[in-house]
Amino acid sequence: MRLGEIIAETFAALLLICILAVVFFLGGKPFWPEHQAKMTILLPPDAMTTGSVKRSTYPNLPDTVDPKLIQPRPVPSP
């Protein structure tokens, strides 16, 4: 290759790079997506809804049971 051909190929490559850069800049979109942080606003906790409530460790059952309300267990059919 002669010196003139090397210079011509270099200028052709630079021209192609410039044309591609102009096309991308006119398109207006970046090559890769822009990273955006999602922001959340934390409100102060409400004392009435977050107050701790002591729960009993045993179930709250009645002292007496009305026998009229009790129904017999169904018998499975054979």
PDB file of N, CA and C in Angstrom:
ATOM      1  N   MET A   1       0.838  -1.180   0.000  1.00  0.00           N
ATOM      2  CA  MET A   1       0.000   0.000   0.000  1.00  0.00           C
ATOM      3  C   MET A   1       0.880   1.239   0.000  1.00  0.00           C
ATOM      4  N   ARG A   2       0.434   2.177  -0.718  1.00  0.00           N
ATOM      5  CA  ARG A   2       1.209   3.408  -0.778  1.00  0.00           C
ATOM      6  C   ARG A   2       0.716   4.379   0.281  1.00  0.00           C
ATOM      7  N   LEU A   3       1.487   5.413   0.558  1.00  0.00           N
ATOM      8  CA  LEU A   3       1.169   6.380   1.600  1.00  0.00           C
ATOM      9  C   LEU A   3      -0.143   7.091   1.305  1.00  0.00           C
ATOM     10  N   GLY A   4      -0.418   7.381   0.064  1.00  0.00           N
ATOM     11  CA  GLY A   4      -1.662   8.063  -0.314  1.00  0.00           C
ATOM     12  C   GLY A   4      -2.883   7.222  -0.009  1.00  0.00           C
ATOM     13  N   GLU A   5      -2.796   5.904  -0.238  1.00  0.00           N
ATOM     14  CA  GLU A   5      -3.922   5.016   0.043  1.00  0.00           C
ATOM     15  C   GLU A   5      -4.164   4.899   1.550  1.00  0.00           C
ATOM     16  N   ILE A   6      -3.114   4.876   2.347  1.00  0.00           N
ATOM     17  CA  ILE A   6      -3.249   4.797   3.811  1.00  0.00           C
ATOM     18  C   ILE A   6      -3.955   6.043   4.334  1.00  0.00           C
ATOM     19  N   ILE A   7      -3.545   7.200   3.835  1.00  0.00           N
ATOM     20  CA  ILE A   7      -4.166   8.459   4.263  1.00  0.00           C
ATOM     21  C   ILE A   7      -5.630   8.503   3.827  1.00  0.00           C
ATOM     22  N   ALA A   8      -5.932   8.055   2.626  1.00  0.00           N
ATOM     23  CA  ALA A   8      -7.308   8.048   2.133  1.00  0.00           C
ATOM     24  C   ALA A   8      -8.184   7.108   2.958  1.00  0.00           C
ATOM     25  N   GLU A   9      -7.670   5.908   3.296  1.00  0.00           N
ATOM     26  CA  GLU A   9      -8.430   4.968   4.121  1.00  0.00           C
ATOM     27  C   GLU A   9      -8.664   5.536   5.522  1.00  0.00           C
ATOM     28  N   THR A  10      -7.692   6.220   6.092  1.00  0.00           N
ATOM     29  CA  THR A  10      -7.841   6.819   7.422  1.00  0.00           C
ATOM     30  C   THR A  10      -8.906   7.902   7.401  1.00  0.00           C
ATOM     31  N   PHE A  11      -8.873   8.766   6.389  1.00  0.00           N
ATOM     32  CA  PHE A  11      -9.899   9.814   6.278  1.00  0.00           C
ATOM     33  C   PHE A  11     -11.282   9.219   6.035  1.00  0.00           C
ATOM     34  N   ALA A  12     -11.367   8.146   5.277  1.00  0.00           N
ATOM     35  CA  ALA A  12     -12.661   7.495   5.041  1.00  0.00           C
ATOM     36  C   ALA A  12     -13.212   6.909   6.344  1.00  0.00           C
ATOM     37  N   ALA A  13     -12.336   6.296   7.145  1.00  0.00           N
ATOM     38  CA  ALA A  13     -12.779   5.732   8.419  1.00  0.00           C
ATOM     39  C   ALA A  13     -13.226   6.836   9.378  1.00  0.00           C
ATOM     40  N   LEU A  14     -12.489   7.938   9.431  1.00  0.00           N
ATOM     41  CA  LEU A  14     -12.878   9.068  10.282  1.00  0.00           C
ATOM     42  C   LEU A  14     -14.210   9.669   9.828  1.00  0.00           C
ATOM     43  N   LEU A  15     -14.424   9.760   8.529  1.00  0.00           N
ATOM     44  CA  LEU A  15     -15.677  10.291   8.007  1.00  0.00           C
ATOM     45  C   LEU A  15     -16.846   9.382   8.386  1.00  0.00           C
ATOM     46  N   LEU A  16     -16.640   8.077   8.291  1.00  0.00           N
ATOM     47  CA  LEU A  16     -17.692   7.131   8.663  1.00  0.00           C
ATOM     48  C   LEU A  16     -18.011   7.234  10.154  1.00  0.00           C
ATOM     49  N   ILE A  17     -16.996   7.364  11.001  1.00  0.00           N
ATOM     50  CA  ILE A  17     -17.214   7.508  12.445  1.00  0.00           C
ATOM     51  C   ILE A  17     -17.976   8.790  12.747  1.00  0.00           C
ATOM     52  N   CYS A  18     -17.631   9.882  12.072  1.00  0.00           N
ATOM     53  CA  CYS A  18     -18.319  11.157  12.286  1.00  0.00           C
ATOM     54  C   CYS A  18     -19.786  11.073  11.852  1.00  0.00           C
ATOM     55  N   ILE A  19     -20.050  10.414  10.739  1.00  0.00           N
ATOM     56  CA  ILE A  19     -21.431  10.278  10.260  1.00  0.00           C
ATOM     57  C   ILE A  19     -22.254   9.457  11.252  1.00  0.00           C
ATOM     58  N   LEU A  20     -21.672   8.366  11.756  1.00  0.00           N
ATOM     59  CA  LEU A  20     -22.387   7.549  12.744  1.00  0.00           C
ATOM     60  C   LEU A  20     -22.643   8.325  14.034  1.00  0.00           C
ATOM     61  N   ALA A  21     -21.663   9.122  14.481  1.00  0.00           N
ATOM     62  CA  ALA A  21     -21.842   9.925  15.694  1.00  0.00           C
ATOM     63  C   ALA A  21     -22.955  10.947  15.502  1.00  0.00           C
ATOM     64  N   VAL A  22     -23.011  11.581  14.359  1.00  0.00           N
ATOM     65  CA  VAL A  22     -24.062  12.568  14.090  1.00  0.00           C
ATOM     66  C   VAL A  22     -25.434  11.888  14.070  1.00  0.00           C
ATOM     67  N   VAL A  23     -25.524  10.718  13.464  1.00  0.00           N
ATOM     68  CA  VAL A  23     -26.799  10.001  13.424  1.00  0.00           C
ATOM     69  C   VAL A  23     -27.265   9.658  14.835  1.00  0.00           C
ATOM     70  N   PHE A  24     -26.357   9.177  15.691  1.00  0.00           N
ATOM     71  CA  PHE A  24     -26.747   8.833  17.059  1.00  0.00           C
ATOM     72  C   PHE A  24     -27.095  10.071  17.881  1.00  0.00           C
ATOM     73  N   PHE A  25     -26.379  11.174  17.681  1.00  0.00           N
ATOM     74  CA  PHE A  25     -26.702  12.386  18.427  1.00  0.00           C
ATOM     75  C   PHE A  25     -28.029  12.969  17.976  1.00  0.00           C
ATOM     76  N   LEU A  26     -28.337  12.878  16.704  1.00  0.00           N
ATOM     77  CA  LEU A  26     -29.626  13.375  16.234  1.00  0.00           C
ATOM     78  C   LEU A  26     -30.767  12.473  16.682  1.00  0.00           C
ATOM     79  N   GLY A  27     -30.473  11.199  16.866  1.00  0.00           N
ATOM     80  CA  GLY A  27     -31.496  10.281  17.378  1.00  0.00           C
ATOM     81  C   GLY A  27     -31.896  10.620  18.797  1.00  0.00           C
ATOM     82  N   GLY A  28     -30.995  11.167  19.585  1.00  0.00           N
ATOM     83  CA  GLY A  28     -31.312  11.639  20.921  1.00  0.00           C
ATOM     84  C   GLY A  28     -31.342  10.581  21.995  1.00  0.00           C
ATOM     85  N   LYS A  29     -31.074   9.345  21.676  1.00  0.00           N
ATOM     86  CA  LYS A  29     -31.098   8.307  22.699  1.00  0.00           C
ATOM     87  C   LYS A  29     -29.670   7.845  22.977  1.00  0.00           C
ATOM     88  N   PRO A  30     -29.352   7.581  24.245  1.00  0.00           N
ATOM     89  CA  PRO A  30     -28.008   7.117  24.563  1.00  0.00           C
ATOM     90  C   PRO A  30     -27.806   5.662  24.121  1.00  0.00           C
ATOM     91  N   PHE A  31     -26.566   5.256  24.070  1.00  0.00           N
ATOM     92  CA  PHE A  31     -26.255   3.889  23.668  1.00  0.00           C
ATOM     93  C   PHE A  31     -26.743   2.879  24.699  1.00  0.00           C
ATOM     94  N   TRP A  32     -26.686   3.228  25.991  1.00  0.00           N
ATOM     95  CA  TRP A  32     -27.107   2.338  27.060  1.00  0.00           C
ATOM     96  C   TRP A  32     -28.119   3.092  27.918  1.00  0.00           C
ATOM     97  N   PRO A  33     -29.002   2.374  28.601  1.00  0.00           N
ATOM     98  CA  PRO A  33     -30.023   3.058  29.402  1.00  0.00           C
ATOM     99  C   PRO A  33     -29.423   3.779  30.602  1.00  0.00           C
ATOM    100  N   GLU A  34     -30.043   4.864  30.951  1.00  0.00           N
ATOM    101  CA  GLU A  34     -29.576   5.665  32.068  1.00  0.00           C
ATOM    102  C   GLU A  34     -30.093   5.058  33.370  1.00  0.00           C
ATOM    103  N   HIS A  35     -29.229   4.913  34.349  1.00  0.00           N
ATOM    104  CA  HIS A  35     -29.634   4.336  35.630  1.00  0.00           C
ATOM    105  C   HIS A  35     -30.293   5.410  36.476  1.00  0.00           C
ATOM    106  N   GLN A  36     -31.496   5.118  36.947  1.00  0.00           N
ATOM    107  CA  GLN A  36     -32.207   6.067  37.784  1.00  0.00           C
ATOM    108  C   GLN A  36     -32.570   5.390  39.096  1.00  0.00           C
ATOM    109  N   ALA A  37     -32.374   6.097  40.171  1.00  0.00           N
ATOM    110  CA  ALA A  37     -32.729   5.566  41.485  1.00  0.00           C
ATOM    111  C   ALA A  37     -34.201   5.839  41.747  1.00  0.00           C
ATOM    112  N   LYS A  38     -34.873   4.851  42.331  1.00  0.00           N
ATOM    113  CA  LYS A  38     -36.266   5.034  42.697  1.00  0.00           C
ATOM    114  C   LYS A  38     -36.300   5.512  44.148  1.00  0.00           C
ATOM    115  N   MET A  39     -36.973   6.632  44.354  1.00  0.00           N
ATOM    116  CA  MET A  39     -36.975   7.227  45.664  1.00  0.00           C
ATOM    117  C   MET A  39     -38.318   6.997  46.345  1.00  0.00           C
ATOM    118  N   THR A  40     -38.286   6.592  47.590  1.00  0.00           N
ATOM    119  CA  THR A  40     -39.505   6.442  48.368  1.00  0.00           C
ATOM    120  C   THR A  40     -39.426   7.353  49.573  1.00  0.00           C
ATOM    121  N   ILE A  41     -40.555   7.869  49.972  1.00  0.00           N
ATOM    122  CA  ILE A  41     -40.621   8.757  51.126  1.00  0.00           C
ATOM    123  C   ILE A  41     -41.162   7.952  52.296  1.00  0.00           C
ATOM    124  N   LEU A  42     -40.378   7.849  53.345  1.00  0.00           N
ATOM    125  CA  LEU A  42     -40.787   7.120  54.533  1.00  0.00           C
ATOM    126  C   LEU A  42     -41.418   8.094  55.513  1.00  0.00           C
ATOM    127  N   LEU A  43     -42.672   7.842  55.836  1.00  0.00           N
ATOM    128  CA  LEU A  43     -43.370   8.693  56.785  1.00  0.00           C
ATOM    129  C   LEU A  43     -43.091   8.205  58.195  1.00  0.00           C
ATOM    130  N   PRO A  44     -43.152   9.101  59.185  1.00  0.00           N
ATOM    131  CA  PRO A  44     -42.922   8.649  60.557  1.00  0.00           C
ATOM    132  C   PRO A  44     -44.046   7.702  60.992  1.00  0.00           C
ATOM    133  N   PRO A  45     -43.729   6.693  61.778  1.00  0.00           N
ATOM    134  CA  PRO A  45     -44.761   5.728  62.180  1.00  0.00           C
ATOM    135  C   PRO A  45     -45.771   6.358  63.115  1.00  0.00           C
ATOM    136  N   ASP A  46     -47.009   5.911  63.022  1.00  0.00           N
ATOM    137  CA  ASP A  46     -48.070   6.394  63.880  1.00  0.00           C
ATOM    138  C   ASP A  46     -48.022   5.606  65.183  1.00  0.00           C
ATOM    139  N   ALA A  47     -47.984   6.301  66.317  1.00  0.00           N
ATOM    140  CA  ALA A  47     -47.847   5.629  67.605  1.00  0.00           C
ATOM    141  C   ALA A  47     -49.064   4.779  67.936  1.00  0.00           C
ATOM    142  N   MET A  48     -50.244   5.156  67.453  1.00  0.00           N
ATOM    143  CA  MET A  48     -51.448   4.400  67.783  1.00  0.00           C
ATOM    144  C   MET A  48     -51.503   3.062  67.041  1.00  0.00           C
ATOM    145  N   THR A  49     -51.039   3.027  65.821  1.00  0.00           N
ATOM    146  CA  THR A  49     -51.134   1.786  65.049  1.00  0.00           C
ATOM    147  C   THR A  49     -49.938   0.871  65.261  1.00  0.00           C
ATOM    148  N   THR A  50     -48.818   1.403  65.733  1.00  0.00           N
ATOM    149  CA  THR A  50     -47.637   0.561  65.893  1.00  0.00           C
ATOM    150  C   THR A  50     -47.348   0.216  67.343  1.00  0.00           C
ATOM    151  N   GLY A  51     -48.188   0.646  68.264  1.00  0.00           N
ATOM    152  CA  GLY A  51     -47.961   0.329  69.671  1.00  0.00           C
ATOM    153  C   GLY A  51     -48.082  -1.167  69.909  1.00  0.00           C
ATOM    154  N   SER A  52     -47.237  -1.680  70.767  1.00  0.00           N
ATOM    155  CA  SER A  52     -47.271  -3.122  71.016  1.00  0.00           C
ATOM    156  C   SER A  52     -48.431  -3.456  71.948  1.00  0.00           C
ATOM    157  N   VAL A  53     -49.065  -4.571  71.682  1.00  0.00           N
ATOM    158  CA  VAL A  53     -50.180  -5.042  72.487  1.00  0.00           C
ATOM    159  C   VAL A  53     -49.786  -6.391  73.054  1.00  0.00           C
ATOM    160  N   LYS A  54     -49.927  -6.546  74.363  1.00  0.00           N
ATOM    161  CA  LYS A  54     -49.559  -7.816  74.987  1.00  0.00           C
ATOM    162  C   LYS A  54     -50.669  -8.823  74.699  1.00  0.00           C
ATOM    163  N   ARG A  55     -50.284  -9.908  74.087  1.00  0.00           N
ATOM    164  CA  ARG A  55     -51.240 -10.972  73.793  1.00  0.00           C
ATOM    165  C   ARG A  55     -51.113 -12.049  74.852  1.00  0.00           C
ATOM    166  N   SER A  56     -52.242 -12.645  75.147  1.00  0.00           N
ATOM    167  CA  SER A  56     -52.203 -13.728  76.126  1.00  0.00           C
ATOM    168  C   SER A  56     -51.654 -14.985  75.463  1.00  0.00           C
ATOM    169  N   THR A  57     -51.029 -15.825  76.265  1.00  0.00           N
ATOM    170  CA  THR A  57     -50.425 -17.047  75.721  1.00  0.00           C
ATOM    171  C   THR A  57     -51.427 -18.190  75.664  1.00  0.00           C
ATOM    172  N   TYR A  58     -52.576 -18.030  76.273  1.00  0.00           N
ATOM    173  CA  TYR A  58     -53.593 -19.079  76.239  1.00  0.00           C
ATOM    174  C   TYR A  58     -54.823 -18.573  75.477  1.00  0.00           C
ATOM    175  N   PRO A  59     -55.605 -19.463  74.886  1.00  0.00           N
ATOM    176  CA  PRO A  59     -56.776 -19.013  74.122  1.00  0.00           C
ATOM    177  C   PRO A  59     -57.880 -18.505  75.051  1.00  0.00           C
ATOM    178  N   ASN A  60     -58.623 -17.561  74.564  1.00  0.00           N
ATOM    179  CA  ASN A  60     -59.705 -16.957  75.335  1.00  0.00           C
ATOM    180  C   ASN A  60     -60.967 -17.787  75.139  1.00  0.00           C
ATOM    181  N   LEU A  61     -61.163 -18.814  76.001  1.00  0.00           N
ATOM    182  CA  LEU A  61     -62.310 -19.709  75.909  1.00  0.00           C
ATOM    183  C   LEU A  61     -63.315 -19.379  77.009  1.00  0.00           C
ATOM    184  N   PRO A  62     -64.600 -19.647  76.758  1.00  0.00           N
ATOM    185  CA  PRO A  62     -65.587 -19.381  77.809  1.00  0.00           C
ATOM    186  C   PRO A  62     -65.452 -20.392  78.952  1.00  0.00           C
ATOM    187  N   ASP A  63     -65.957 -19.987  80.127  1.00  0.00           N
ATOM    188  CA  ASP A  63     -65.872 -20.877  81.302  1.00  0.00           C
ATOM    189  C   ASP A  63     -66.866 -22.036  81.191  1.00  0.00           C
ATOM    190  N   THR A  64     -68.031 -21.768  80.627  1.00  0.00           N
ATOM    191  CA  THR A  64     -69.044 -22.821  80.495  1.00  0.00           C
ATOM    192  C   THR A  64     -69.477 -22.928  79.045  1.00  0.00           C
ATOM    193  N   VAL A  65     -69.995 -24.109  78.690  1.00  0.00           N
ATOM    194  CA  VAL A  65     -70.447 -24.352  77.321  1.00  0.00           C
ATOM    195  C   VAL A  65     -71.911 -24.766  77.387  1.00  0.00           C
ATOM    196  N   ASP A  66     -72.743 -24.201  76.528  1.00  0.00           N
ATOM    197  CA  ASP A  66     -74.159 -24.562  76.482  1.00  0.00           C
ATOM    198  C   ASP A  66     -74.293 -25.869  75.697  1.00  0.00           C
ATOM    199  N   PRO A  67     -74.777 -26.942  76.323  1.00  0.00           N
ATOM    200  CA  PRO A  67     -74.872 -28.230  75.622  1.00  0.00           C
ATOM    201  C   PRO A  67     -75.877 -28.221  74.467  1.00  0.00           C
ATOM    202  N   LYS A  68     -76.805 -27.270  74.458  1.00  0.00           N
ATOM    203  CA  LYS A  68     -77.796 -27.214  73.367  1.00  0.00           C
ATOM    204  C   LYS A  68     -77.141 -26.791  72.045  1.00  0.00           C
ATOM    205  N   LEU A  69     -76.056 -26.072  72.135  1.00  0.00           N
ATOM    206  CA  LEU A  69     -75.395 -25.579  70.918  1.00  0.00           C
ATOM    207  C   LEU A  69     -74.448 -26.606  70.295  1.00  0.00           C
ATOM    208  N   ILE A  70     -74.111 -27.638  71.053  1.00  0.00           N
ATOM    209  CA  ILE A  70     -73.157 -28.632  70.559  1.00  0.00           C
ATOM    210  C   ILE A  70     -73.873 -29.593  69.620  1.00  0.00           C
ATOM    211  N   GLN A  71     -73.286 -29.850  68.461  1.00  0.00           N
ATOM    212  CA  GLN A  71     -73.855 -30.798  67.497  1.00  0.00           C
ATOM    213  C   GLN A  71     -72.969 -32.034  67.447  1.00  0.00           C
ATOM    214  N   PRO A  72     -73.583 -33.206  67.227  1.00  0.00           N
ATOM    215  CA  PRO A  72     -72.764 -34.413  67.169  1.00  0.00           C
ATOM    216  C   PRO A  72     -71.882 -34.445  65.921  1.00  0.00           C
ATOM    217  N   ARG A  73     -70.801 -35.168  66.034  1.00  0.00           N
ATOM    218  CA  ARG A  73     -69.878 -35.309  64.917  1.00  0.00           C
ATOM    219  C   ARG A  73     -70.523 -36.140  63.804  1.00  0.00           C
ATOM    220  N   PRO A  74     -70.401 -35.724  62.553  1.00  0.00           N
ATOM    221  CA  PRO A  74     -71.017 -36.514  61.477  1.00  0.00           C
ATOM    222  C   PRO A  74     -70.300 -37.856  61.320  1.00  0.00           C
ATOM    223  N   VAL A  75     -71.088 -38.866  61.022  1.00  0.00           N
ATOM    224  CA  VAL A  75     -70.569 -40.223  60.840  1.00  0.00           C
ATOM    225  C   VAL A  75     -70.213 -40.407  59.371  1.00  0.00           C
ATOM    226  N   PRO A  76     -68.975 -40.807  59.051  1.00  0.00           N
ATOM    227  CA  PRO A  76     -68.622 -41.004  57.638  1.00  0.00           C
ATOM    228  C   PRO A  76     -69.358 -42.205  57.060  1.00  0.00           C
ATOM    229  N   SER A  77     -69.778 -42.080  55.832  1.00  0.00           N
ATOM    230  CA  SER A  77     -70.499 -43.178  55.191  1.00  0.00           C
ATOM    231  C   SER A  77     -69.507 -44.235  54.725  1.00  0.00           C
ATOM    232  N   PRO A  78     -69.889 -45.543  54.907  1.00  0.00           N
ATOM    233  CA  PRO A  78     -68.948 -46.621  54.521  1.00  0.00           C
ATOM    234  C   PRO A  78     -68.844 -46.849  53.058  1.00  0.00           C
TER     235      PRO A  78
END
